[in-house]
Amino acid sequence: AMNDPWQITLLGGLRAQQGERVITRFKTQKVAALFAYLAYHRRQAHARELLIELLWPESDTPTLRNSLSVALSSLRHQ
């Protein structure tokens, strides 16, 4: 049910479960990494710039902000 708490497993493969609903696949590895990071650090706010730096350390183009938005949107949809 939607009111059930989420159970998130980070070791041995990323897995999110809420009642009967189980998510083990994500759109991309970056989306999975973003989910795992946010789940692990769930009690704090995160600057978009920090998340971009963590996920795309090799780049610094303006399009990365859009890439983060797409990744966040994918997580919300799931």
Protein backbone atom coordinates (compact mmCIF):
# COMPACT_ATOMS: atom_id res chain seq x y z
CA ALA A 1 0.00 0.00 0.00
CA MET A 2 1.07 3.58 -0.55
CA ASN A 3 1.21 4.20 3.22
CA ASP A 4 3.64 1.34 3.85
CA PRO A 5 7.19 2.44 4.68
CA TRP A 6 9.90 1.98 2.06
CA GLN A 7 12.59 -0.62 2.73
CA ILE A 8 15.77 0.14 0.83
CA THR A 9 18.65 -2.30 0.47
CA LEU A 10 21.97 -0.86 -0.68
CA LEU A 11 24.29 -3.86 -0.22
CA GLY A 12 24.06 -6.89 -2.47
CA GLY A 13 22.20 -4.96 -5.15
CA LEU A 14 20.01 -1.88 -4.97
CA ARG A 15 16.42 -2.75 -4.06
CA ALA A 16 13.48 -0.63 -2.93
CA GLN A 17 10.33 -2.22 -1.56
CA GLN A 18 7.05 -0.73 -0.40
CA GLY A 19 4.55 -3.41 0.53
CA GLU A 20 4.21 -5.69 -2.51
CA ARG A 21 5.89 -3.18 -4.83
CA VAL A 22 9.57 -3.94 -5.53
CA ILE A 23 11.96 -1.85 -7.62
CA THR A 24 15.30 -3.35 -8.60
CA ARG A 25 15.81 -1.75 -12.01
CA PHE A 26 16.33 1.91 -12.76
CA LYS A 27 16.42 3.84 -16.03
CA THR A 28 20.22 4.24 -15.90
CA GLN A 29 23.09 3.55 -13.53
CA LYS A 30 23.23 7.28 -12.75
CA VAL A 31 19.57 7.22 -11.69
CA ALA A 32 20.26 4.18 -9.48
CA ALA A 33 23.30 5.92 -7.97
CA LEU A 34 21.25 9.06 -7.33
CA PHE A 35 18.52 7.02 -5.64
CA ALA A 36 21.04 5.16 -3.46
CA TYR A 37 22.78 8.40 -2.45
CA LEU A 38 19.54 10.18 -1.59
CA ALA A 39 18.24 7.16 0.32
CA TYR A 40 21.43 6.86 2.35
CA HIS A 41 21.53 10.60 3.11
CA ARG A 42 17.76 10.98 3.42
CA ARG A 43 17.77 13.27 6.44
CA GLN A 44 19.61 16.13 4.79
CA ALA A 45 19.01 18.56 1.95
CA HIS A 46 21.24 18.37 -1.12
CA ALA A 47 22.36 21.19 -3.37
CA ARG A 48 21.85 20.36 -7.03
CA GLU A 49 25.43 21.41 -7.73
CA LEU A 50 26.74 18.82 -5.25
CA LEU A 51 24.62 16.06 -6.79
CA ILE A 52 25.83 17.02 -10.28
CA GLU A 53 29.45 16.95 -9.09
CA LEU A 54 28.95 13.52 -7.50
CA LEU A 55 27.28 11.96 -10.54
CA TRP A 56 29.19 13.66 -13.35
CA PRO A 57 32.59 14.60 -11.89
CA GLU A 58 34.26 14.51 -15.31
CA SER A 59 32.09 17.26 -16.81
CA ASP A 60 31.04 20.79 -16.05
CA THR A 61 28.63 21.78 -18.78
CA PRO A 62 25.32 23.59 -18.27
CA THR A 63 23.45 20.58 -19.68
CA LEU A 64 24.28 18.58 -16.56
CA ARG A 65 21.66 20.51 -14.58
CA ASN A 66 19.13 19.21 -17.10
CA SER A 67 20.58 15.69 -16.78
CA LEU A 68 20.00 15.85 -13.02
CA SER A 69 16.42 17.06 -13.56
CA VAL A 70 15.78 14.14 -15.93
CA ALA A 71 17.23 11.68 -13.39
CA LEU A 72 15.10 13.13 -10.57
CA SER A 73 12.01 13.01 -12.78
CA SER A 74 12.69 9.36 -13.56
CA LEU A 75 12.92 8.56 -9.84
CA ARG A 76 9.68 10.38 -9.07
CA HIS A 77 7.93 8.49 -11.86
CA GLN A 78 9.10 5.14 -10.48
